[in-house]
Amino acid sequence: MYTVLLADDEEEAIKVIVKKIDWEALGFSVIGSADNGVKALEMVEESQPDVLVTDIKMPYMDGMELSDRVKTAFPATKILLFTGFDEFEYAKEAIHLEVEEYILKPVNSVELTEVFRQLKIKLDQEISEKRNVETLQKHYLESLPLLQADFYSALMEGRIRGDEIDRYLADYQISLEGPLFCCLVIHTSSRQALESIDPLLLSTSVREQAIERLGERWQVKSFPYLGNTVFIAQLKSENEVSELTDECDRFCKYARRMVGAFVTVGIGPVCRTVMELPQSYSSAREAVSYRAIYGASRAINMKEIVPQDMATSSFSDEEELSSLFRTIRIGGEEEVREAVSRYLTSITSQYRSMQHHHIGIMELISALYRFALNNDIVLEDKIGDVEKMYGSLLDLEPEALEKWLLDISLFFREQMIHARSRSTRSLIARAQEYVGSNYADEELSLDKICAALGVSNSYFSAMFKKETGESFVAYLTDHRMERASRLLIETNEKSYMIARQVGYTDPNYFSYVFKRRFGVSPSKYRTEHADSGR
């Protein structure tokens, strides 16, 4: 039943209307009446009827003003306006009131019945449409996770234009406020999983635990993509990426310990806009492939593993060429040989004329030069004059061209290995130099030196131990103890003074560490080595 409120200062008119119309048969129920506009407005505000039937002439507030105020406050309420013949034209001029019907007095029951029958149809249609919209909204919300995942995939593949971003974010209810962003690729090894655990279930478990441990702190948006889980992390400053790397590294070790999963997290560079995320994702995915060098169950930050002061390269869109360059970076000689063969097979299969062949050779040379330039490799020393080389390559038979490209690729691989080694040695040398200058600082720690060097704890610790054979803390302690031992022999300073000079505020703890290192207390060490000091 739809509800009806009657407003007319003539009581008899209201009684006639109520009596002459079979309201129930029409699907309506009269819930009350008012004899003036003010009272009618109060009743509308209280009961919010579906239909208001009002006369124009009423005390305190006429029907025109009442209709205007009702339409403003309750736009869904339908209004029927009773009017005398002399008021009819005046009433019809007020079309902005959106009145459903103007009915001339005296009221004709047949006419009024037909008006309400048509009004019932209209109200039914509106409710049906409203319910359809609600159903569509419900289905939309249910499908929202799939729509969001599809958006993220399209974004990673470069299928979203910059002018569409805001609309997609609003439509799919995605909040990416940043101000900085970073892509993480979470790879769960299916080969190293326990036989008793389904790889798909293991990957799902890793994803849920990663969301639990990293989601809130970094406001991540997660989605599955190409067999991995991808996170979009939101950062406040670029300095936070080292902290993010360390948290991801701890998560990898947690996953290994708790569920036996070998998880590698690749971390791409920080970007300032959503449109730059595909580049961050591409680097993060490439970082995951470096597990062949650095091992699984760890976080790999692409910015940290490439040789320092070298730009991240951007290669040809051709899949096999990109694969070749990735293999040069991380693969063995046999893998490079296979990648070279795949690449040449791929491009030669596309040649339909000598012109295509010439273009392919030009693109190959251009890509090789970009790779060399971006990785600080002097290619001229290897290939000589470019024009002569280009001319000679055009005349080479397929087997000779493959041999030439393999030779260049292995040369690049060797240079990359040397560059990584130099970069690591440079990092460790700078760390050792820092210790030499700051060992007396009692607050010197792994966190402090990593902040000074601009790298994450996890990466620095792994590289330091790989290069020196011991942990950084052990190296710092040994350095302090060696310095203390010389001071004990070469000076007459008290033990507690020497302790402070090598970074220990607690002389008792200093004595404990010294005895553990040399087997005797500082005082006994001085006595035993007194002669050699003099």
Protein backbone atom coordinates (compact mmCIF):
# COMPACT_ATOMS: atom_id res chain seq x y z
CA MET A 1 0.00 0.00 0.00
CA TYR A 2 1.21 3.49 -0.93
CA THR A 3 0.38 6.22 1.60
CA VAL A 4 -1.64 9.38 0.84
CA LEU A 5 -1.91 12.63 2.81
CA LEU A 6 -4.81 15.02 2.05
CA ALA A 7 -4.55 18.77 2.59
CA ASP A 8 -7.62 21.05 2.16
CA ASP A 9 -9.15 23.69 4.38
CA GLU A 10 -12.62 22.43 3.41
CA GLU A 11 -13.39 19.48 5.68
CA GLU A 12 -16.33 18.36 3.54
CA ALA A 13 -14.09 18.15 0.47
CA ILE A 14 -11.74 15.81 2.29
CA LYS A 15 -14.63 13.60 3.49
CA VAL A 16 -15.99 13.33 -0.05
CA ILE A 17 -12.63 12.31 -1.44
CA VAL A 18 -12.09 9.69 1.25
CA LYS A 19 -15.59 8.28 0.80
CA LYS A 20 -15.88 8.24 -3.00
CA ILE A 21 -12.56 6.50 -3.76
CA ASP A 22 -11.92 2.78 -3.14
CA TRP A 23 -8.37 3.44 -1.90
CA GLU A 24 -7.57 -0.14 -0.94
CA ALA A 25 -8.55 -1.47 -4.35
CA LEU A 26 -6.26 1.09 -5.96
CA GLY A 27 -3.37 0.12 -3.67
CA PHE A 28 -3.38 3.27 -1.50
CA SER A 29 -4.06 4.11 2.12
CA VAL A 30 -5.04 7.58 3.41
CA ILE A 31 -2.90 8.15 6.50
CA GLY A 32 -4.31 11.57 7.50
CA SER A 33 -5.48 15.02 6.53
CA ALA A 34 -4.62 18.63 7.28
CA ASP A 35 -6.71 21.81 7.04
CA ASN A 36 -3.79 24.21 6.45
CA GLY A 37 -0.41 24.22 4.75
CA VAL A 38 1.69 24.46 7.90
CA LYS A 39 0.05 21.44 9.49
CA ALA A 40 0.32 19.53 6.23
CA LEU A 41 4.06 20.22 6.05
CA GLU A 42 4.53 18.98 9.63
CA MET A 43 2.65 15.77 8.81
CA VAL A 44 4.74 15.27 5.63
CA GLU A 45 7.94 15.66 7.62
CA GLU A 46 6.72 13.14 10.18
CA SER A 47 5.19 10.44 7.95
CA GLN A 48 6.80 11.11 4.54
CA PRO A 49 3.82 9.93 2.48
CA ASP A 50 4.17 8.61 -1.04
CA VAL A 51 1.51 11.04 -2.32
CA LEU A 52 0.42 14.52 -1.20
CA VAL A 53 -2.96 15.76 -2.43
CA THR A 54 -3.33 19.46 -1.71
CA ASP A 55 -5.60 22.37 -2.50
CA ILE A 56 -4.01 25.64 -3.64
CA LYS A 57 -5.97 27.97 -1.38
CA MET A 58 -5.22 27.20 2.28
CA PRO A 59 -4.49 29.36 5.35
CA TYR A 60 -0.99 30.00 6.77
CA MET A 61 0.70 28.36 3.76
CA ASP A 62 -0.90 27.88 0.34
CA GLY A 63 -0.60 24.73 -1.74
CA MET A 64 1.99 26.24 -4.09
CA GLU A 65 4.45 27.02 -1.30
CA LEU A 66 3.68 23.68 0.39
CA SER A 67 4.41 21.82 -2.85
CA ASP A 68 7.64 23.72 -3.35
CA ARG A 69 8.93 22.93 0.16
CA VAL A 70 7.86 19.28 0.00
CA LYS A 71 9.59 18.78 -3.36
CA THR A 72 12.77 20.35 -2.00
CA ALA A 73 12.87 18.23 1.18
CA PHE A 74 11.24 15.03 -0.12
CA PRO A 75 11.71 14.84 -3.90
CA ALA A 76 10.30 11.29 -4.08
CA THR A 77 6.86 12.41 -2.85
CA LYS A 78 4.28 12.69 -5.66
CA ILE A 79 2.04 15.78 -5.56
CA LEU A 80 -1.52 16.15 -6.89
CA LEU A 81 -2.79 19.75 -6.91
CA PHE A 82 -6.50 20.64 -6.54
CA THR A 83 -7.32 23.94 -8.15
CA GLY A 84 -10.32 26.02 -9.05
CA PHE A 85 -10.95 26.99 -12.67
CA ASP A 86 -9.80 30.55 -12.10
CA GLU A 87 -6.53 29.26 -10.55
CA PHE A 88 -5.79 26.63 -13.16
CA GLU A 89 -3.62 28.66 -15.52
CA TYR A 90 -1.73 30.19 -12.60
CA ALA A 91 -1.05 26.72 -11.17
CA LYS A 92 0.15 25.27 -14.45
CA GLU A 93 2.69 28.06 -14.85
CA ALA A 94 4.51 26.69 -11.78
CA ILE A 95 5.95 23.76 -13.76
CA HIS A 96 9.12 23.81 -11.66
CA LEU A 97 7.07 22.22 -8.89
CA GLU A 98 7.02 18.96 -10.86
CA VAL A 99 3.38 18.35 -9.90
CA GLU A 100 2.05 14.99 -11.11
CA GLU A 101 -1.46 16.22 -11.95
CA TYR A 102 -3.64 19.32 -11.72
CA ILE A 103 -7.25 18.38 -10.83
CA LEU A 104 -10.09 20.89 -11.22
CA LYS A 105 -12.65 21.26 -8.50
CA PRO A 106 -15.22 19.99 -7.86
CA VAL A 107 -13.53 16.61 -7.75
CA ASN A 108 -14.81 13.92 -10.09
CA SER A 109 -14.43 10.47 -8.48
CA VAL A 110 -14.02 8.70 -11.83
CA GLU A 111 -11.32 11.11 -12.93
CA LEU A 112 -9.55 10.93 -9.55
CA THR A 113 -9.70 7.12 -9.58
CA GLU A 114 -8.04 7.04 -13.00
CA VAL A 115 -5.37 9.50 -11.83
CA PHE A 116 -4.49 7.26 -8.89
CA ARG A 117 -4.57 4.13 -11.06
CA GLN A 118 -1.94 5.68 -13.37
CA LEU A 119 0.00 6.96 -10.38
CA LYS A 120 0.09 3.44 -8.94
CA ILE A 121 1.62 2.13 -12.17
CA LYS A 122 4.24 4.87 -12.09
CA LEU A 123 5.12 4.22 -8.44
CA ASP A 124 5.42 0.48 -9.09
CA GLN A 125 7.77 1.11 -12.01
CA GLU A 126 9.96 3.44 -9.95
CA ILE A 127 10.26 0.91 -7.14
CA SER A 128 11.06 -1.85 -9.60
CA GLU A 129 13.77 0.29 -11.19
CA LYS A 130 15.15 1.20 -7.80
CA ARG A 131 15.31 -2.44 -6.77
CA ASN A 132 17.01 -3.29 -10.07
CA VAL A 133 19.62 -0.62 -9.35
CA GLU A 134 20.14 -2.03 -5.87
CA THR A 135 20.58 -5.49 -7.36
CA LEU A 136 23.08 -4.17 -9.86
CA GLN A 137 24.95 -2.38 -7.08
CA LYS A 138 25.05 -5.61 -5.08
CA HIS A 139 26.41 -7.53 -8.07
CA TYR A 140 28.88 -4.72 -8.71
CA LEU A 141 30.22 -4.88 -5.16
CA GLU A 142 30.47 -8.67 -5.38
CA SER A 143 32.49 -8.41 -8.59
CA LEU A 144 34.61 -5.49 -7.36
CA PRO A 145 37.66 -7.63 -6.39
CA LEU A 146 37.76 -9.08 -9.93
CA LEU A 147 37.36 -5.63 -11.47
CA GLN A 148 40.17 -4.30 -9.28
CA ALA A 149 42.45 -7.20 -10.21
CA ASP A 150 41.69 -6.61 -13.90
CA PHE A 151 42.53 -2.92 -13.48
CA TYR A 152 45.86 -3.71 -11.82
CA SER A 153 46.73 -6.15 -14.61
CA ALA A 154 45.83 -3.60 -17.29
CA LEU A 155 47.92 -1.00 -15.46
CA MET A 156 50.96 -3.28 -15.34
CA GLU A 157 50.59 -3.97 -19.07
CA GLY A 158 50.37 -0.28 -19.96
CA ARG A 159 46.75 -0.52 -21.16
CA ILE A 160 45.50 2.35 -18.97
CA ARG A 161 45.86 5.93 -20.19
CA GLY A 162 46.89 8.67 -17.80
CA ASP A 163 43.62 10.55 -18.24
CA GLU A 164 41.67 7.40 -17.25
CA ILE A 165 43.42 6.72 -13.94
CA ASP A 166 41.24 8.90 -11.68
CA ARG A 167 38.02 7.49 -13.14
CA TYR A 168 39.14 3.89 -12.65
CA LEU A 169 40.28 4.56 -9.09
CA ALA A 170 36.91 6.12 -8.26
CA ASP A 171 34.80 3.48 -10.04
CA TYR A 172 36.70 0.56 -8.52
CA GLN A 173 37.00 2.15 -5.07
CA ILE A 174 40.81 2.01 -5.01
CA SER A 175 42.73 4.41 -2.78
CA LEU A 176 46.26 5.17 -4.00
CA GLU A 177 47.26 8.30 -2.12
CA GLY A 178 51.01 7.64 -1.97
CA PRO A 179 52.59 10.11 -2.26
CA LEU A 180 55.22 7.56 -3.43
CA PHE A 181 54.71 4.01 -4.71
CA CYS A 182 56.76 0.86 -5.07
CA CYS A 183 55.96 -2.51 -6.67
CA LEU A 184 56.76 -5.79 -4.92
CA VAL A 185 56.65 -9.15 -6.70
CA ILE A 186 56.21 -12.06 -4.27
CA HIS A 187 57.33 -15.35 -5.80
CA THR A 188 56.68 -18.65 -4.04
CA SER A 189 58.76 -21.51 -5.44
CA SER A 190 56.67 -24.48 -6.56
CA ARG A 191 59.75 -26.64 -7.19
CA GLN A 192 61.06 -26.36 -3.65
CA ALA A 193 57.69 -26.82 -1.93
CA LEU A 194 57.12 -29.82 0.31
CA GLU A 195 55.47 -32.72 -1.53
CA SER A 196 52.71 -32.85 1.08
CA ILE A 197 51.62 -29.25 0.32
CA ASP A 198 49.71 -28.21 -2.77
CA PRO A 199 51.75 -25.41 -4.46
CA LEU A 200 48.63 -23.35 -5.14
CA LEU A 201 47.50 -23.56 -1.52
CA LEU A 202 51.02 -22.71 -0.37
CA SER A 203 51.13 -19.64 -2.62
CA THR A 204 47.72 -18.53 -1.33
CA SER A 205 48.86 -18.97 2.27
CA VAL A 206 52.00 -16.92 1.59
CA ARG A 207 49.90 -14.16 0.01
CA GLU A 208 47.55 -13.95 3.00
CA GLN A 209 50.41 -13.89 5.50
CA ALA A 210 52.23 -11.24 3.46
CA ILE A 211 49.10 -9.07 3.53
CA GLU A 212 48.82 -9.60 7.28
CA ARG A 213 52.46 -8.70 7.99
CA LEU A 214 53.03 -5.95 5.40
CA GLY A 215 49.59 -4.72 4.40
CA GLU A 216 48.72 -2.21 7.11
CA ARG A 217 52.16 -0.63 7.52
CA TRP A 218 52.63 -0.02 3.78
CA GLN A 219 48.93 0.34 2.78
CA VAL A 220 49.47 -2.30 0.10
CA LYS A 221 47.15 -3.14 -2.77
CA SER A 222 47.57 -6.80 -3.71
CA PHE A 223 46.63 -8.81 -6.79
CA PRO A 224 47.71 -12.03 -8.52
CA TYR A 225 49.58 -11.54 -11.79
CA LEU A 226 51.42 -13.99 -14.05
CA GLY A 227 51.73 -16.64 -11.35
CA ASN A 228 53.00 -14.31 -8.63
CA THR A 229 51.47 -11.99 -6.05
CA VAL A 230 52.07 -8.30 -6.72
CA PHE A 231 51.93 -5.64 -4.02
CA ILE A 232 51.71 -1.91 -4.62
CA ALA A 233 53.24 -0.38 -1.50
CA GLN A 234 52.66 3.27 -0.59
CA LEU A 235 55.56 5.23 0.93
CA LYS A 236 55.93 8.68 2.45
CA SER A 237 59.58 9.13 1.46
CA GLU A 238 62.20 7.38 -0.67
CA ASN A 239 64.24 6.59 2.45
CA GLU A 240 61.52 4.16 3.56
CA VAL A 241 62.40 1.71 0.79
CA SER A 242 65.33 0.36 2.85
CA GLU A 243 62.99 -0.33 5.76
CA LEU A 244 60.51 -1.95 3.36
CA THR A 245 63.29 -4.16 1.96
CA ASP A 246 64.27 -5.31 5.47
CA GLU A 247 60.65 -6.07 6.39
CA CYS A 248 60.22 -8.10 3.21
CA ASP A 249 63.46 -9.97 3.95
CA ARG A 250 62.23 -10.83 7.44
CA PHE A 251 58.96 -12.04 5.94
CA CYS A 252 60.80 -14.36 3.51
CA LYS A 253 62.67 -15.97 6.40
CA TYR A 254 59.44 -16.18 8.41
CA ALA A 255 57.68 -17.98 5.54
CA ARG A 256 60.56 -20.45 5.25
CA ARG A 257 60.54 -21.15 8.98
CA MET A 258 56.78 -21.31 9.57
CA VAL A 259 55.35 -22.99 6.44
CA GLY A 260 58.45 -24.27 4.63
CA ALA A 261 57.91 -21.91 1.68
CA PHE A 262 60.83 -20.59 -0.37
CA VAL A 263 59.69 -17.03 -0.97
CA THR A 264 61.54 -14.36 -2.93
CA VAL A 265 60.34 -10.76 -2.88
CA GLY A 266 61.52 -8.54 -5.74
CA ILE A 267 61.41 -4.81 -5.00
CA GLY A 268 61.23 -2.28 -7.81
CA PRO A 269 62.31 1.37 -7.72
CA VAL A 270 60.22 4.03 -6.00
CA CYS A 271 57.97 6.04 -8.33
CA ARG A 272 56.02 9.25 -7.89
CA THR A 273 52.93 8.56 -10.02
CA VAL A 274 50.62 5.63 -10.60
CA MET A 275 51.52 5.68 -14.30
CA GLU A 276 55.16 4.83 -13.43
CA LEU A 277 54.15 1.61 -11.63
CA PRO A 278 54.62 -0.62 -14.73
CA GLN A 279 58.33 0.28 -14.74
CA SER A 280 58.58 -0.44 -11.02
CA TYR A 281 56.83 -3.79 -11.57
CA SER A 282 59.13 -4.72 -14.45
CA SER A 283 62.20 -4.07 -12.27
CA ALA A 284 60.68 -5.97 -9.33
CA ARG A 285 59.99 -8.97 -11.55
CA GLU A 286 63.55 -8.84 -12.86
CA ALA A 287 64.82 -8.65 -9.27
CA VAL A 288 63.03 -11.94 -8.51
CA SER A 289 65.00 -13.61 -11.32
CA TYR A 290 68.22 -12.68 -9.46
CA ARG A 291 67.43 -15.40 -6.92
CA ALA A 292 69.59 -17.57 -9.19
CA ILE A 293 72.56 -15.50 -7.98
CA TYR A 294 71.59 -14.34 -4.50
CA GLY A 295 69.42 -17.29 -3.45
CA ALA A 296 65.74 -17.63 -2.54
CA SER A 297 64.09 -16.92 0.83
CA ARG A 298 65.13 -13.27 0.76
CA ALA A 299 64.13 -9.84 -0.50
CA ILE A 300 66.00 -8.49 -3.53
CA ASN A 301 65.93 -4.75 -4.13
CA MET A 302 66.68 -4.02 -7.79
CA LYS A 303 68.29 -0.70 -6.93
CA GLU A 304 70.78 -2.45 -4.62
CA ILE A 305 71.82 -5.36 -6.83
CA VAL A 306 72.69 -3.48 -10.01
CA PRO A 307 76.23 -2.05 -9.97
CA GLN A 308 76.27 1.33 -8.29
CA ASP A 309 76.17 4.48 -10.42
CA MET A 310 74.72 2.53 -13.35
CA ALA A 311 71.31 3.30 -14.74
CA THR A 312 68.62 0.66 -15.04
CA SER A 313 68.42 -0.17 -18.68
CA SER A 314 65.32 -0.27 -20.83
CA PHE A 315 65.49 -2.75 -23.67
CA SER A 316 63.59 -3.64 -26.80
CA ASP A 317 60.02 -4.75 -26.40
CA GLU A 318 60.85 -8.01 -28.16
CA GLU A 319 60.44 -10.82 -25.69
CA GLU A 320 63.43 -12.90 -26.81
CA LEU A 321 65.79 -9.91 -26.77
CA SER A 322 64.69 -9.01 -23.24
CA SER A 323 65.17 -12.65 -22.28
CA LEU A 324 68.69 -12.61 -23.74
CA PHE A 325 69.70 -9.57 -21.71
CA ARG A 326 68.22 -11.05 -18.51
CA THR A 327 70.17 -14.25 -19.13
CA ILE A 328 73.39 -12.27 -19.67
CA ARG A 329 72.84 -10.70 -16.26
CA ILE A 330 72.14 -13.85 -14.26
CA GLY A 331 72.60 -16.97 -16.38
CA GLY A 332 75.46 -19.39 -16.97
CA GLU A 333 77.36 -19.78 -20.22
CA GLU A 334 75.14 -22.57 -21.51
CA GLU A 335 72.02 -20.56 -20.71
CA VAL A 336 73.45 -17.58 -22.61
CA ARG A 337 74.16 -19.84 -25.58
CA GLU A 338 70.54 -21.06 -25.59
CA ALA A 339 69.18 -17.49 -25.24
CA VAL A 340 71.28 -16.32 -28.21
CA SER A 341 69.97 -19.19 -30.32
CA ARG A 342 66.35 -18.49 -29.34
CA TYR A 343 66.71 -14.79 -30.13
CA LEU A 344 68.22 -15.33 -33.60
CA THR A 345 65.64 -18.00 -34.41
CA SER A 346 62.89 -15.58 -33.36
CA ILE A 347 64.04 -12.62 -35.46
CA THR A 348 65.06 -14.57 -38.57
CA SER A 349 61.65 -16.23 -38.69
CA GLN A 350 60.15 -12.74 -39.13
CA TYR A 351 62.38 -11.74 -42.08
CA ARG A 352 60.51 -11.57 -45.38
CA SER A 353 63.11 -9.61 -47.37
CA MET A 354 66.67 -8.31 -47.21
CA GLN A 355 65.26 -5.02 -45.99
CA HIS A 356 63.77 -6.75 -42.96
CA HIS A 357 67.12 -8.41 -42.35
CA HIS A 358 68.95 -5.06 -42.45
CA ILE A 359 66.46 -3.50 -40.04
CA GLY A 360 66.84 -6.45 -37.66
CA ILE A 361 70.65 -6.11 -37.59
CA MET A 362 70.36 -2.36 -36.97
CA GLU A 363 67.96 -2.91 -34.08
CA LEU A 364 70.24 -5.57 -32.61
CA ILE A 365 73.30 -3.29 -32.73
CA SER A 366 71.29 -0.43 -31.22
CA ALA A 367 70.07 -2.66 -28.38
CA LEU A 368 73.61 -3.92 -27.70
CA TYR A 369 74.90 -0.37 -27.51
CA ARG A 370 72.12 0.66 -25.10
CA PHE A 371 72.91 -2.31 -22.88
CA ALA A 372 76.63 -1.45 -22.91
CA LEU A 373 75.98 2.24 -22.24
CA ASN A 374 73.56 1.62 -19.38
CA ASN A 375 75.96 -0.82 -17.75
CA ASP A 376 79.17 1.19 -18.22
CA ILE A 377 80.69 -1.30 -20.68
CA VAL A 378 83.04 0.03 -23.38
CA LEU A 379 81.78 -1.85 -26.42
CA GLU A 380 84.11 -0.17 -28.93
CA ASP A 381 87.10 -2.00 -27.46
CA LYS A 382 85.38 -5.25 -28.33
CA ILE A 383 83.82 -4.58 -31.75
CA GLY A 384 85.81 -1.66 -33.22
CA ASP A 385 84.32 0.69 -35.79
CA VAL A 386 80.51 0.52 -35.85
CA GLU A 387 80.00 1.16 -39.56
CA LYS A 388 82.47 -1.54 -40.57
CA MET A 389 80.93 -3.94 -38.10
CA TYR A 390 77.43 -3.26 -39.44
CA GLY A 391 78.56 -3.90 -43.00
CA SER A 392 80.29 -7.13 -42.08
CA LEU A 393 77.31 -8.42 -40.09
CA LEU A 394 75.01 -8.02 -43.08
CA ASP A 395 77.15 -10.51 -45.03
CA LEU A 396 77.47 -13.10 -42.27
CA GLU A 397 75.75 -16.44 -42.64
CA PRO A 398 73.40 -17.47 -39.82
CA GLU A 399 75.98 -19.70 -38.07
CA ALA A 400 78.64 -16.96 -38.14
CA LEU A 401 76.16 -14.33 -36.89
CA GLU A 402 75.22 -16.60 -33.98
CA LYS A 403 78.90 -17.12 -33.11
CA TRP A 404 79.49 -13.34 -33.15
CA LEU A 405 76.46 -12.57 -30.97
CA LEU A 406 77.42 -15.35 -28.53
CA ASP A 407 80.93 -13.88 -28.24
CA ILE A 408 79.51 -10.39 -27.49
CA SER A 409 76.95 -11.82 -25.01
CA LEU A 410 79.61 -13.77 -23.09
CA PHE A 411 81.78 -10.63 -23.04
CA PHE A 412 78.86 -8.69 -21.55
CA ARG A 413 78.27 -11.46 -18.99
CA GLU A 414 81.91 -11.35 -17.88
CA GLN A 415 81.79 -7.55 -17.57
CA MET A 416 78.59 -7.74 -15.48
CA ILE A 417 80.18 -10.28 -13.13
CA HIS A 418 83.21 -8.04 -12.67
CA ALA A 419 80.98 -4.98 -12.20
CA ARG A 420 78.92 -6.69 -9.48
CA SER A 421 82.09 -7.82 -7.77
CA ARG A 422 83.58 -4.31 -7.93
CA SER A 423 80.36 -2.81 -6.63
CA THR A 424 80.24 -5.21 -3.69
CA ARG A 425 83.92 -4.68 -2.87
CA SER A 426 83.40 -0.93 -3.05
CA LEU A 427 80.47 -1.16 -0.64
CA ILE A 428 82.43 -3.30 1.83
CA ALA A 429 85.49 -1.04 1.54
CA ARG A 430 83.36 1.99 2.33
CA ALA A 431 81.86 0.16 5.31
CA GLN A 432 85.32 -0.76 6.62
CA GLU A 433 86.51 2.80 6.12
CA TYR A 434 83.48 4.04 8.05
CA VAL A 435 84.28 1.68 10.92
CA GLY A 436 87.88 2.88 10.92
CA SER A 437 86.70 6.45 11.38
CA ASN A 438 83.78 5.83 13.75
CA TYR A 439 84.62 2.76 15.86
CA ALA A 440 84.76 4.99 18.98
CA ASP A 441 81.08 5.89 18.52
CA GLU A 442 79.23 3.86 21.15
CA GLU A 443 76.05 4.04 19.03
CA LEU A 444 77.67 2.58 15.92
CA SER A 445 75.47 -0.33 14.81
CA LEU A 446 74.27 -2.22 11.75
CA ASP A 447 71.31 0.16 11.41
CA LYS A 448 73.51 3.25 11.60
CA ILE A 449 76.07 2.14 9.02
CA CYS A 450 73.33 0.98 6.61
CA ALA A 451 71.66 4.38 6.93
CA ALA A 452 75.01 6.04 6.19
CA LEU A 453 75.60 3.83 3.14
CA GLY A 454 72.00 4.05 1.93
CA VAL A 455 71.31 0.30 1.73
CA SER A 456 69.02 -2.11 3.56
CA ASN A 457 70.22 -4.20 6.49
CA SER A 458 69.41 -7.47 4.77
CA TYR A 459 71.38 -6.71 1.60
CA PHE A 460 74.38 -5.23 3.43
CA SER A 461 74.57 -8.12 5.92
CA ALA A 462 74.47 -10.73 3.15
CA MET A 463 77.09 -8.94 1.03
CA PHE A 464 79.40 -8.19 3.98
CA LYS A 465 79.46 -11.80 5.12
CA LYS A 466 79.90 -13.06 1.56
CA GLU A 467 82.87 -10.73 0.99
CA THR A 468 84.60 -10.93 4.41
CA GLY A 469 83.48 -14.28 5.77
CA GLU A 470 82.12 -12.79 8.99
CA SER A 471 79.18 -10.69 10.15
CA PHE A 472 79.44 -6.93 10.43
CA VAL A 473 78.98 -7.04 14.21
CA ALA A 474 81.84 -9.54 14.51
CA TYR A 475 84.04 -7.36 12.29
CA LEU A 476 83.25 -4.24 14.35
CA THR A 477 84.01 -6.07 17.60
CA ASP A 478 87.32 -7.43 16.26
CA HIS A 479 88.32 -3.97 15.04
CA ARG A 480 87.58 -2.43 18.42
CA MET A 481 89.44 -5.19 20.25
CA GLU A 482 92.51 -4.88 18.03
CA ARG A 483 92.55 -1.13 18.61
CA ALA A 484 92.13 -1.64 22.36
CA SER A 485 94.97 -4.17 22.48
CA ARG A 486 97.33 -1.66 20.87
CA LEU A 487 96.31 1.08 23.27
CA LEU A 488 96.95 -1.24 26.25
CA ILE A 489 100.49 -1.91 25.04
CA GLU A 490 101.38 1.53 23.68
CA THR A 491 99.84 3.79 26.38
CA ASN A 492 99.41 3.96 30.15
CA GLU A 493 95.71 4.82 29.93
CA LYS A 494 93.37 3.15 32.40
CA SER A 495 91.23 0.30 31.11
CA TYR A 496 87.99 2.22 31.48
CA MET A 497 89.44 5.12 29.45
CA ILE A 498 90.52 2.76 26.68
CA ALA A 499 87.06 1.19 26.76
CA ARG A 500 85.51 4.58 26.02
CA GLN A 501 88.01 5.25 23.24
CA VAL A 502 86.91 2.10 21.40
CA GLY A 503 83.15 2.59 21.86
CA TYR A 504 82.30 0.88 25.19
CA THR A 505 80.64 2.88 27.97
CA ASP A 506 80.51 -0.09 30.35
CA PRO A 507 84.10 -1.07 31.40
CA ASN A 508 82.88 -4.42 32.80
CA TYR A 509 81.34 -5.36 29.48
CA PHE A 510 84.49 -4.19 27.69
CA SER A 511 86.59 -6.51 29.91
CA TYR A 512 84.20 -9.39 29.19
CA VAL A 513 84.43 -8.90 25.41
CA PHE A 514 88.22 -8.43 25.56
CA LYS A 515 88.74 -11.61 27.56
CA ARG A 516 86.51 -13.54 25.17
CA ARG A 517 88.63 -12.26 22.27
CA PHE A 518 92.14 -12.69 23.75
CA GLY A 519 91.60 -15.20 26.55
CA VAL A 520 92.87 -12.84 29.28
CA SER A 521 91.69 -9.66 30.98
CA PRO A 522 92.91 -6.24 29.72
CA SER A 523 95.21 -5.77 32.73
CA LYS A 524 96.79 -9.18 32.35
CA TYR A 525 97.17 -8.64 28.61
CA ARG A 526 99.04 -5.38 29.32
CA THR A 527 101.32 -7.13 31.82
CA GLU A 528 102.09 -10.03 29.47
CA HIS A 529 102.89 -7.67 26.57
CA ALA A 530 104.64 -4.92 28.54
CA ASP A 531 108.11 -5.83 27.26
CA SER A 532 107.06 -5.86 23.61
CA GLY A 533 105.40 -2.46 24.05
CA ARG A 534 108.59 -0.93 25.37
